[in-house]
Amino acid sequence: MTHATSVVHVENDQVIVTEWTFKPGAKTGHHTHGHDYVIVPITAGVLRLIDAEGHKDVEIKPGSSYFKSTGVSHDVVNLSDHELRFVEVELK
């Protein structure tokens, strides 16, 4: 399976701003967030969030950002048949 790619645009003592790109079927790999964060979708599509309790499919679309707290532990997979992109803003 293909892994999502990321580019860090800003990193300082307050935030980390990362742009993520997911080809169809691409995933992040299991990871745990060390900071509160906001996801800002650039494209629309469906992501599968997989954690210890199972999975949840989430539709993302430009203009519908969401916040999550430190400690989220999951894998993220693009279920769409097209590339998905979002910006992740981690709050230090």
PDB file of N, CA and C in Angstrom:
ATOM      1  N   MET A   1       0.841  -1.184   0.000  1.00  0.00           N
ATOM      2  CA  MET A   1       0.000   0.000   0.000  1.00  0.00           C
ATOM      3  C   MET A   1       0.882   1.243   0.000  1.00  0.00           C
ATOM      4  N   THR A   2       0.425   2.255  -0.675  1.00  0.00           N
ATOM      5  CA  THR A   2       1.140   3.522  -0.794  1.00  0.00           C
ATOM      6  C   THR A   2       0.983   4.346   0.474  1.00  0.00           C
ATOM      7  N   HIS A   3       2.027   5.049   0.835  1.00  0.00           N
ATOM      8  CA  HIS A   3       1.962   5.934   1.995  1.00  0.00           C
ATOM      9  C   HIS A   3       1.676   7.358   1.554  1.00  0.00           C
ATOM     10  N   ALA A   4       0.906   8.072   2.366  1.00  0.00           N
ATOM     11  CA  ALA A   4       0.651   9.487   2.141  1.00  0.00           C
ATOM     12  C   ALA A   4       1.970  10.236   2.243  1.00  0.00           C
ATOM     13  N   THR A   5       2.057  11.371   1.563  1.00  0.00           N
ATOM     14  CA  THR A   5       3.255  12.203   1.633  1.00  0.00           C
ATOM     15  C   THR A   5       2.925  13.502   2.354  1.00  0.00           C
ATOM     16  N   SER A   6       3.944  14.101   2.935  1.00  0.00           N
ATOM     17  CA  SER A   6       3.719  15.337   3.683  1.00  0.00           C
ATOM     18  C   SER A   6       4.851  16.326   3.445  1.00  0.00           C
ATOM     19  N   VAL A   7       4.493  17.611   3.529  1.00  0.00           N
ATOM     20  CA  VAL A   7       5.457  18.697   3.427  1.00  0.00           C
ATOM     21  C   VAL A   7       5.170  19.652   4.578  1.00  0.00           C
ATOM     22  N   VAL A   8       6.182  19.908   5.415  1.00  0.00           N
ATOM     23  CA  VAL A   8       6.031  20.860   6.514  1.00  0.00           C
ATOM     24  C   VAL A   8       6.279  22.256   5.947  1.00  0.00           C
ATOM     25  N   HIS A   9       5.267  23.133   6.063  1.00  0.00           N
ATOM     26  CA  HIS A   9       5.377  24.496   5.554  1.00  0.00           C
ATOM     27  C   HIS A   9       5.858  25.471   6.624  1.00  0.00           C
ATOM     28  N   VAL A  10       5.457  25.230   7.884  1.00  0.00           N
ATOM     29  CA  VAL A  10       5.848  26.107   8.990  1.00  0.00           C
ATOM     30  C   VAL A  10       6.100  25.244  10.210  1.00  0.00           C
ATOM     31  N   GLU A  11       7.208  25.493  10.887  1.00  0.00           N
ATOM     32  CA  GLU A  11       7.418  24.877  12.192  1.00  0.00           C
ATOM     33  C   GLU A  11       8.169  25.884  13.055  1.00  0.00           C
ATOM     34  N   ASN A  12       7.552  26.223  14.177  1.00  0.00           N
ATOM     35  CA  ASN A  12       8.181  27.134  15.123  1.00  0.00           C
ATOM     36  C   ASN A  12       7.779  26.717  16.535  1.00  0.00           C
ATOM     37  N   ASP A  13       7.968  27.578  17.515  1.00  0.00           N
ATOM     38  CA  ASP A  13       7.668  27.194  18.893  1.00  0.00           C
ATOM     39  C   ASP A  13       6.178  27.188  19.208  1.00  0.00           C
ATOM     40  N   GLN A  14       5.324  27.599  18.250  1.00  0.00           N
ATOM     41  CA  GLN A  14       3.880  27.644  18.491  1.00  0.00           C
ATOM     42  C   GLN A  14       3.074  26.649  17.660  1.00  0.00           C
ATOM     43  N   VAL A  15       3.477  26.399  16.393  1.00  0.00           N
ATOM     44  CA  VAL A  15       2.701  25.534  15.500  1.00  0.00           C
ATOM     45  C   VAL A  15       3.602  24.708  14.590  1.00  0.00           C
ATOM     46  N   ILE A  16       3.000  23.650  14.050  1.00  0.00           N
ATOM     47  CA  ILE A  16       3.578  22.914  12.919  1.00  0.00           C
ATOM     48  C   ILE A  16       2.461  22.848  11.873  1.00  0.00           C
ATOM     49  N   VAL A  17       2.736  23.345  10.677  1.00  0.00           N
ATOM     50  CA  VAL A  17       1.746  23.338   9.591  1.00  0.00           C
ATOM     51  C   VAL A  17       2.259  22.397   8.510  1.00  0.00           C
ATOM     52  N   THR A  18       1.496  21.312   8.292  1.00  0.00           N
ATOM     53  CA  THR A  18       1.902  20.259   7.361  1.00  0.00           C
ATOM     54  C   THR A  18       0.825  20.041   6.316  1.00  0.00           C
ATOM     55  N   GLU A  19       1.218  19.991   5.047  1.00  0.00           N
ATOM     56  CA  GLU A  19       0.286  19.647   3.971  1.00  0.00           C
ATOM     57  C   GLU A  19       0.439  18.165   3.662  1.00  0.00           C
ATOM     58  N   TRP A  20      -0.681  17.438   3.702  1.00  0.00           N
ATOM     59  CA  TRP A  20      -0.702  15.997   3.438  1.00  0.00           C
ATOM     60  C   TRP A  20      -1.349  15.729   2.088  1.00  0.00           C
ATOM     61  N   THR A  21      -0.765  14.789   1.323  1.00  0.00           N
ATOM     62  CA  THR A  21      -1.305  14.359   0.031  1.00  0.00           C
ATOM     63  C   THR A  21      -1.458  12.849   0.055  1.00  0.00           C
ATOM     64  N   PHE A  22      -2.665  12.384  -0.287  1.00  0.00           N
ATOM     65  CA  PHE A  22      -2.995  10.958  -0.290  1.00  0.00           C
ATOM     66  C   PHE A  22      -3.424  10.542  -1.687  1.00  0.00           C
ATOM     67  N   LYS A  23      -2.654   9.691  -2.335  1.00  0.00           N
ATOM     68  CA  LYS A  23      -3.115   9.053  -3.567  1.00  0.00           C
ATOM     69  C   LYS A  23      -4.257   8.104  -3.191  1.00  0.00           C
ATOM     70  N   PRO A  24      -5.079   7.655  -4.144  1.00  0.00           N
ATOM     71  CA  PRO A  24      -6.130   6.689  -3.801  1.00  0.00           C
ATOM     72  C   PRO A  24      -5.529   5.475  -3.080  1.00  0.00           C
ATOM     73  N   GLY A  25      -6.106   5.123  -1.943  1.00  0.00           N
ATOM     74  CA  GLY A  25      -5.640   3.979  -1.163  1.00  0.00           C
ATOM     75  C   GLY A  25      -4.451   4.269  -0.256  1.00  0.00           C
ATOM     76  N   ALA A  26      -3.851   5.449  -0.357  1.00  0.00           N
ATOM     77  CA  ALA A  26      -2.676   5.766   0.466  1.00  0.00           C
ATOM     78  C   ALA A  26      -3.064   5.913   1.931  1.00  0.00           C
ATOM     79  N   LYS A  27      -2.099   5.640   2.818  1.00  0.00           N
ATOM     80  CA  LYS A  27      -2.349   5.727   4.255  1.00  0.00           C
ATOM     81  C   LYS A  27      -1.184   6.412   4.950  1.00  0.00           C
ATOM     82  N   THR A  28      -1.424   6.882   6.164  1.00  0.00           N
ATOM     83  CA  THR A  28      -0.362   7.526   6.935  1.00  0.00           C
ATOM     84  C   THR A  28       0.517   6.509   7.643  1.00  0.00           C
ATOM     85  N   GLY A  29      -0.054   5.371   7.991  1.00  0.00           N
ATOM     86  CA  GLY A  29       0.602   4.459   8.917  1.00  0.00           C
ATOM     87  C   GLY A  29       0.152   4.841  10.318  1.00  0.00           C
ATOM     88  N   HIS A  30       0.116   3.872  11.214  1.00  0.00           N
ATOM     89  CA  HIS A  30      -0.370   4.140  12.568  1.00  0.00           C
ATOM     90  C   HIS A  30       0.533   5.160  13.259  1.00  0.00           C
ATOM     91  N   HIS A  31      -0.078   6.142  13.901  1.00  0.00           N
ATOM     92  CA  HIS A  31       0.675   7.189  14.595  1.00  0.00           C
ATOM     93  C   HIS A  31      -0.168   7.760  15.728  1.00  0.00           C
ATOM     94  N   THR A  32       0.497   8.427  16.671  1.00  0.00           N
ATOM     95  CA  THR A  32      -0.171   9.080  17.799  1.00  0.00           C
ATOM     96  C   THR A  32       0.184  10.562  17.773  1.00  0.00           C
ATOM     97  N   HIS A  33      -0.840  11.395  17.861  1.00  0.00           N
ATOM     98  CA  HIS A  33      -0.641  12.843  17.819  1.00  0.00           C
ATOM     99  C   HIS A  33      -0.141  13.368  19.161  1.00  0.00           C
ATOM    100  N   GLY A  34       0.962  14.093  19.111  1.00  0.00           N
ATOM    101  CA  GLY A  34       1.561  14.646  20.313  1.00  0.00           C
ATOM    102  C   GLY A  34       1.109  16.056  20.639  1.00  0.00           C
ATOM    103  N   HIS A  35       0.215  16.596  19.806  1.00  0.00           N
ATOM    104  CA  HIS A  35      -0.286  17.960  20.001  1.00  0.00           C
ATOM    105  C   HIS A  35      -1.773  18.013  19.626  1.00  0.00           C
ATOM    106  N   ASP A  36      -2.492  18.993  20.183  1.00  0.00           N
ATOM    107  CA  ASP A  36      -3.817  19.314  19.657  1.00  0.00           C
ATOM    108  C   ASP A  36      -3.613  19.716  18.194  1.00  0.00           C
ATOM    109  N   TYR A  37      -4.644  19.448  17.351  1.00  0.00           N
ATOM    110  CA  TYR A  37      -4.475  19.793  15.942  1.00  0.00           C
ATOM    111  C   TYR A  37      -5.805  20.101  15.269  1.00  0.00           C
ATOM    112  N   VAL A  38      -5.700  20.824  14.158  1.00  0.00           N
ATOM    113  CA  VAL A  38      -6.839  21.178  13.313  1.00  0.00           C
ATOM    114  C   VAL A  38      -6.542  20.653  11.913  1.00  0.00           C
ATOM    115  N   ILE A  39      -7.532  20.003  11.297  1.00  0.00           N
ATOM    116  CA  ILE A  39      -7.429  19.546   9.910  1.00  0.00           C
ATOM    117  C   ILE A  39      -8.225  20.512   9.039  1.00  0.00           C
ATOM    118  N   VAL A  40      -7.579  21.010   7.970  1.00  0.00           N
ATOM    119  CA  VAL A  40      -8.202  21.940   7.032  1.00  0.00           C
ATOM    120  C   VAL A  40      -8.196  21.271   5.654  1.00  0.00           C
ATOM    121  N   PRO A  41      -9.333  20.680   5.221  1.00  0.00           N
ATOM    122  CA  PRO A  41      -9.374  20.007   3.924  1.00  0.00           C
ATOM    123  C   PRO A  41      -9.158  20.967   2.756  1.00  0.00           C
ATOM    124  N   ILE A  42      -8.390  20.529   1.775  1.00  0.00           N
ATOM    125  CA  ILE A  42      -8.187  21.269   0.531  1.00  0.00           C
ATOM    126  C   ILE A  42      -9.054  20.666  -0.567  1.00  0.00           C
ATOM    127  N   THR A  43      -9.213  19.340  -0.543  1.00  0.00           N
ATOM    128  CA  THR A  43     -10.042  18.629  -1.516  1.00  0.00           C
ATOM    129  C   THR A  43     -11.107  17.827  -0.778  1.00  0.00           C
ATOM    130  N   ALA A  44     -12.110  17.390  -1.508  1.00  0.00           N
ATOM    131  CA  ALA A  44     -13.204  16.593  -0.939  1.00  0.00           C
ATOM    132  C   ALA A  44     -12.946  15.108  -1.159  1.00  0.00           C
ATOM    133  N   GLY A  45     -13.452  14.289  -0.233  1.00  0.00           N
ATOM    134  CA  GLY A  45     -13.331  12.850  -0.371  1.00  0.00           C
ATOM    135  C   GLY A  45     -13.660  12.144   0.925  1.00  0.00           C
ATOM    136  N   VAL A  46     -13.309  10.854   1.000  1.00  0.00           N
ATOM    137  CA  VAL A  46     -13.614  10.049   2.183  1.00  0.00           C
ATOM    138  C   VAL A  46     -12.318   9.452   2.741  1.00  0.00           C
ATOM    139  N   LEU A  47     -12.107   9.682   4.035  1.00  0.00           N
ATOM    140  CA  LEU A  47     -10.977   9.106   4.756  1.00  0.00           C
ATOM    141  C   LEU A  47     -11.485   8.052   5.727  1.00  0.00           C
ATOM    142  N   ARG A  48     -10.753   6.974   5.865  1.00  0.00           N
ATOM    143  CA  ARG A  48     -11.045   5.971   6.891  1.00  0.00           C
ATOM    144  C   ARG A  48     -10.058   6.179   8.036  1.00  0.00           C
ATOM    145  N   LEU A  49     -10.595   6.390   9.228  1.00  0.00           N
ATOM    146  CA  LEU A  49      -9.796   6.563  10.434  1.00  0.00           C
ATOM    147  C   LEU A  49      -9.851   5.252  11.201  1.00  0.00           C
ATOM    148  N   ILE A  50      -8.707   4.601  11.392  1.00  0.00           N
ATOM    149  CA  ILE A  50      -8.639   3.289  12.018  1.00  0.00           C
ATOM    150  C   ILE A  50      -7.932   3.424  13.360  1.00  0.00           C
ATOM    151  N   ASP A  51      -8.622   3.017  14.434  1.00  0.00           N
ATOM    152  CA  ASP A  51      -8.010   3.064  15.763  1.00  0.00           C
ATOM    153  C   ASP A  51      -8.241   1.736  16.470  1.00  0.00           C
ATOM    154  N   ALA A  52      -7.904   1.671  17.732  1.00  0.00           N
ATOM    155  CA  ALA A  52      -8.002   0.421  18.498  1.00  0.00           C
ATOM    156  C   ALA A  52      -9.440  -0.086  18.608  1.00  0.00           C
ATOM    157  N   GLU A  53     -10.416   0.793  18.456  1.00  0.00           N
ATOM    158  CA  GLU A  53     -11.822   0.402  18.580  1.00  0.00           C
ATOM    159  C   GLU A  53     -12.461   0.005  17.257  1.00  0.00           C
ATOM    160  N   GLY A  54     -11.736   0.147  16.155  1.00  0.00           N
ATOM    161  CA  GLY A  54     -12.294  -0.176  14.845  1.00  0.00           C
ATOM    162  C   GLY A  54     -11.994   0.923  13.848  1.00  0.00           C
ATOM    163  N   HIS A  55     -12.981   1.235  12.998  1.00  0.00           N
ATOM    164  CA  HIS A  55     -12.759   2.299  12.025  1.00  0.00           C
ATOM    165  C   HIS A  55     -14.010   3.145  11.845  1.00  0.00           C
ATOM    166  N   LYS A  56     -13.776   4.345  11.327  1.00  0.00           N
ATOM    167  CA  LYS A  56     -14.854   5.300  11.046  1.00  0.00           C
ATOM    168  C   LYS A  56     -14.511   5.970   9.724  1.00  0.00           C
ATOM    169  N   ASP A  57     -15.486   6.011   8.804  1.00  0.00           N
ATOM    170  CA  ASP A  57     -15.291   6.691   7.536  1.00  0.00           C
ATOM    171  C   ASP A  57     -15.810   8.119   7.658  1.00  0.00           C
ATOM    172  N   VAL A  58     -14.978   9.078   7.255  1.00  0.00           N
ATOM    173  CA  VAL A  58     -15.285  10.489   7.426  1.00  0.00           C
ATOM    174  C   VAL A  58     -15.203  11.185   6.074  1.00  0.00           C
ATOM    175  N   GLU A  59     -16.268  11.891   5.723  1.00  0.00           N
ATOM    176  CA  GLU A  59     -16.253  12.697   4.503  1.00  0.00           C
ATOM    177  C   GLU A  59     -15.627  14.047   4.829  1.00  0.00           C
ATOM    178  N   ILE A  60     -14.647  14.437   4.028  1.00  0.00           N
ATOM    179  CA  ILE A  60     -14.062  15.759   4.201  1.00  0.00           C
ATOM    180  C   ILE A  60     -14.376  16.593   2.970  1.00  0.00           C
ATOM    181  N   LYS A  61     -14.465  17.898   3.172  1.00  0.00           N
ATOM    182  CA  LYS A  61     -14.677  18.806   2.051  1.00  0.00           C
ATOM    183  C   LYS A  61     -14.102  20.164   2.417  1.00  0.00           C
ATOM    184  N   PRO A  62     -13.646  20.893   1.416  1.00  0.00           N
ATOM    185  CA  PRO A  62     -13.101  22.218   1.690  1.00  0.00           C
ATOM    186  C   PRO A  62     -14.116  23.054   2.479  1.00  0.00           C
ATOM    187  N   GLY A  63     -13.624  23.751   3.480  1.00  0.00           N
ATOM    188  CA  GLY A  63     -14.503  24.595   4.288  1.00  0.00           C
ATOM    189  C   GLY A  63     -15.038  23.920   5.531  1.00  0.00           C
ATOM    190  N   SER A  64     -14.788  22.612   5.716  1.00  0.00           N
ATOM    191  CA  SER A  64     -15.253  21.967   6.953  1.00  0.00           C
ATOM    192  C   SER A  64     -14.074  21.392   7.721  1.00  0.00           C
ATOM    193  N   SER A  65     -13.397  22.285   8.417  1.00  0.00           N
ATOM    194  CA  SER A  65     -12.263  21.923   9.250  1.00  0.00           C
ATOM    195  C   SER A  65     -12.747  21.258  10.530  1.00  0.00           C
ATOM    196  N   TYR A  66     -11.841  20.512  11.185  1.00  0.00           N
ATOM    197  CA  TYR A  66     -12.190  19.939  12.480  1.00  0.00           C
ATOM    198  C   TYR A  66     -10.982  19.896  13.401  1.00  0.00           C
ATOM    199  N   PHE A  67     -11.254  19.847  14.710  1.00  0.00           N
ATOM    200  CA  PHE A  67     -10.244  19.880  15.772  1.00  0.00           C
ATOM    201  C   PHE A  67     -10.198  18.536  16.488  1.00  0.00           C
ATOM    202  N   LYS A  68      -9.006  18.107  16.863  1.00  0.00           N
ATOM    203  CA  LYS A  68      -8.820  16.904  17.689  1.00  0.00           C
ATOM    204  C   LYS A  68      -7.783  17.203  18.773  1.00  0.00           C
ATOM    205  N   SER A  69      -7.930  16.542  19.903  1.00  0.00           N
ATOM    206  CA  SER A  69      -7.023  16.751  21.037  1.00  0.00           C
ATOM    207  C   SER A  69      -5.800  15.843  20.974  1.00  0.00           C
ATOM    208  N   THR A  70      -4.763  16.240  21.677  1.00  0.00           N
ATOM    209  CA  THR A  70      -3.542  15.448  21.823  1.00  0.00           C
ATOM    210  C   THR A  70      -3.885  14.018  22.221  1.00  0.00           C
ATOM    211  N   GLY A  71      -3.126  13.065  21.683  1.00  0.00           N
ATOM    212  CA  GLY A  71      -3.287  11.675  22.092  1.00  0.00           C
ATOM    213  C   GLY A  71      -4.049  10.805  21.123  1.00  0.00           C
ATOM    214  N   VAL A  72      -4.672  11.387  20.093  1.00  0.00           N
ATOM    215  CA  VAL A  72      -5.369  10.578  19.093  1.00  0.00           C
ATOM    216  C   VAL A  72      -4.354   9.616  18.476  1.00  0.00           C
ATOM    217  N   SER A  73      -4.718   8.344  18.418  1.00  0.00           N
ATOM    218  CA  SER A  73      -3.836   7.306  17.895  1.00  0.00           C
ATOM    219  C   SER A  73      -4.584   6.545  16.810  1.00  0.00           C
ATOM    220  N   HIS A  74      -4.114   6.654  15.561  1.00  0.00           N
ATOM    221  CA  HIS A  74      -4.859   6.061  14.457  1.00  0.00           C
ATOM    222  C   HIS A  74      -4.005   5.915  13.204  1.00  0.00           C
ATOM    223  N   ASP A  75      -4.588   5.262  12.198  1.00  0.00           N
ATOM    224  CA  ASP A  75      -4.082   5.235  10.832  1.00  0.00           C
ATOM    225  C   ASP A  75      -5.150   5.931   9.999  1.00  0.00           C
ATOM    226  N   VAL A  76      -4.753   6.616   8.945  1.00  0.00           N
ATOM    227  CA  VAL A  76      -5.690   7.335   8.080  1.00  0.00           C
ATOM    228  C   VAL A  76      -5.493   6.832   6.656  1.00  0.00           C
ATOM    229  N   VAL A  77      -6.596   6.428   5.982  1.00  0.00           N
ATOM    230  CA  VAL A  77      -6.534   5.858   4.636  1.00  0.00           C
ATOM    231  C   VAL A  77      -7.483   6.621   3.720  1.00  0.00           C
ATOM    232  N   ASN A  78      -7.027   6.937   2.510  1.00  0.00           N
ATOM    233  CA  ASN A  78      -7.881   7.574   1.507  1.00  0.00           C
ATOM    234  C   ASN A  78      -8.729   6.512   0.812  1.00  0.00           C
ATOM    235  N   LEU A  79     -10.045   6.545   1.026  1.00  0.00           N
ATOM    236  CA  LEU A  79     -10.953   5.602   0.375  1.00  0.00           C
ATOM    237  C   LEU A  79     -11.433   6.105  -0.978  1.00  0.00           C
ATOM    238  N   SER A  80     -11.143   7.347  -1.311  1.00  0.00           N
ATOM    239  CA  SER A  80     -11.615   7.954  -2.554  1.00  0.00           C
ATOM    240  C   SER A  80     -10.847   7.417  -3.757  1.00  0.00           C
ATOM    241  N   ASP A  81     -11.444   7.584  -4.938  1.00  0.00           N
ATOM    242  CA  ASP A  81     -10.790   7.141  -6.171  1.00  0.00           C
ATOM    243  C   ASP A  81      -9.951   8.264  -6.793  1.00  0.00           C
ATOM    244  N   HIS A  82      -9.677   9.300  -6.012  1.00  0.00           N
ATOM    245  CA  HIS A  82      -8.877  10.429  -6.474  1.00  0.00           C
ATOM    246  C   HIS A  82      -7.974  10.904  -5.324  1.00  0.00           C
ATOM    247  N   GLU A  83      -7.017  11.734  -5.658  1.00  0.00           N
ATOM    248  CA  GLU A  83      -6.088  12.266  -4.659  1.00  0.00           C
ATOM    249  C   GLU A  83      -6.810  13.178  -3.673  1.00  0.00           C
ATOM    250  N   LEU A  84      -6.458  13.061  -2.395  1.00  0.00           N
ATOM    251  CA  LEU A  84      -6.979  13.942  -1.341  1.00  0.00           C
ATOM    252  C   LEU A  84      -5.831  14.730  -0.742  1.00  0.00           C
ATOM    253  N   ARG A  85      -6.136  15.975  -0.360  1.00  0.00           N
ATOM    254  CA  ARG A  85      -5.134  16.820   0.283  1.00  0.00           C
ATOM    255  C   ARG A  85      -5.778  17.574   1.431  1.00  0.00           C
ATOM    256  N   PHE A  86      -5.019  17.727   2.532  1.00  0.00           N
ATOM    257  CA  PHE A  86      -5.459  18.590   3.629  1.00  0.00           C
ATOM    258  C   PHE A  86      -4.244  19.177   4.319  1.00  0.00           C
ATOM    259  N   VAL A  87      -4.485  20.243   5.064  1.00  0.00           N
ATOM    260  CA  VAL A  87      -3.450  20.865   5.869  1.00  0.00           C
ATOM    261  C   VAL A  87      -3.742  20.520   7.332  1.00  0.00           C
ATOM    262  N   GLU A  88      -2.701  20.109   8.038  1.00  0.00           N
ATOM    263  CA  GLU A  88      -2.796  19.811   9.465  1.00  0.00           C
ATOM    264  C   GLU A  88      -2.033  20.902  10.212  1.00  0.00           C
ATOM    265  N   VAL A  89      -2.723  21.553  11.154  1.00  0.00           N
ATOM    266  CA  VAL A  89      -2.102  22.594  11.969  1.00  0.00           C
ATOM    267  C   VAL A  89      -2.011  22.055  13.388  1.00  0.00           C
ATOM    268  N   GLU A  90      -0.802  21.747  13.848  1.00  0.00           N
ATOM    269  CA  GLU A  90      -0.580  21.247  15.203  1.00  0.00           C
ATOM    270  C   GLU A  90      -0.242  22.429  16.108  1.00  0.00           C
ATOM    271  N   LEU A  91      -0.914  22.484  17.262  1.00  0.00           N
ATOM    272  CA  LEU A  91      -0.727  23.570  18.214  1.00  0.00           C
ATOM    273  C   LEU A  91       0.211  23.107  19.315  1.00  0.00           C
ATOM    274  N   LYS A  92       1.361  23.732  19.424  1.00  0.00           N
ATOM    275  CA  LYS A  92       2.342  23.323  20.440  1.00  0.00           C
ATOM    276  C   LYS A  92       2.030  23.950  21.779  1.00  0.00           C
TER     277      LYS A  92
END
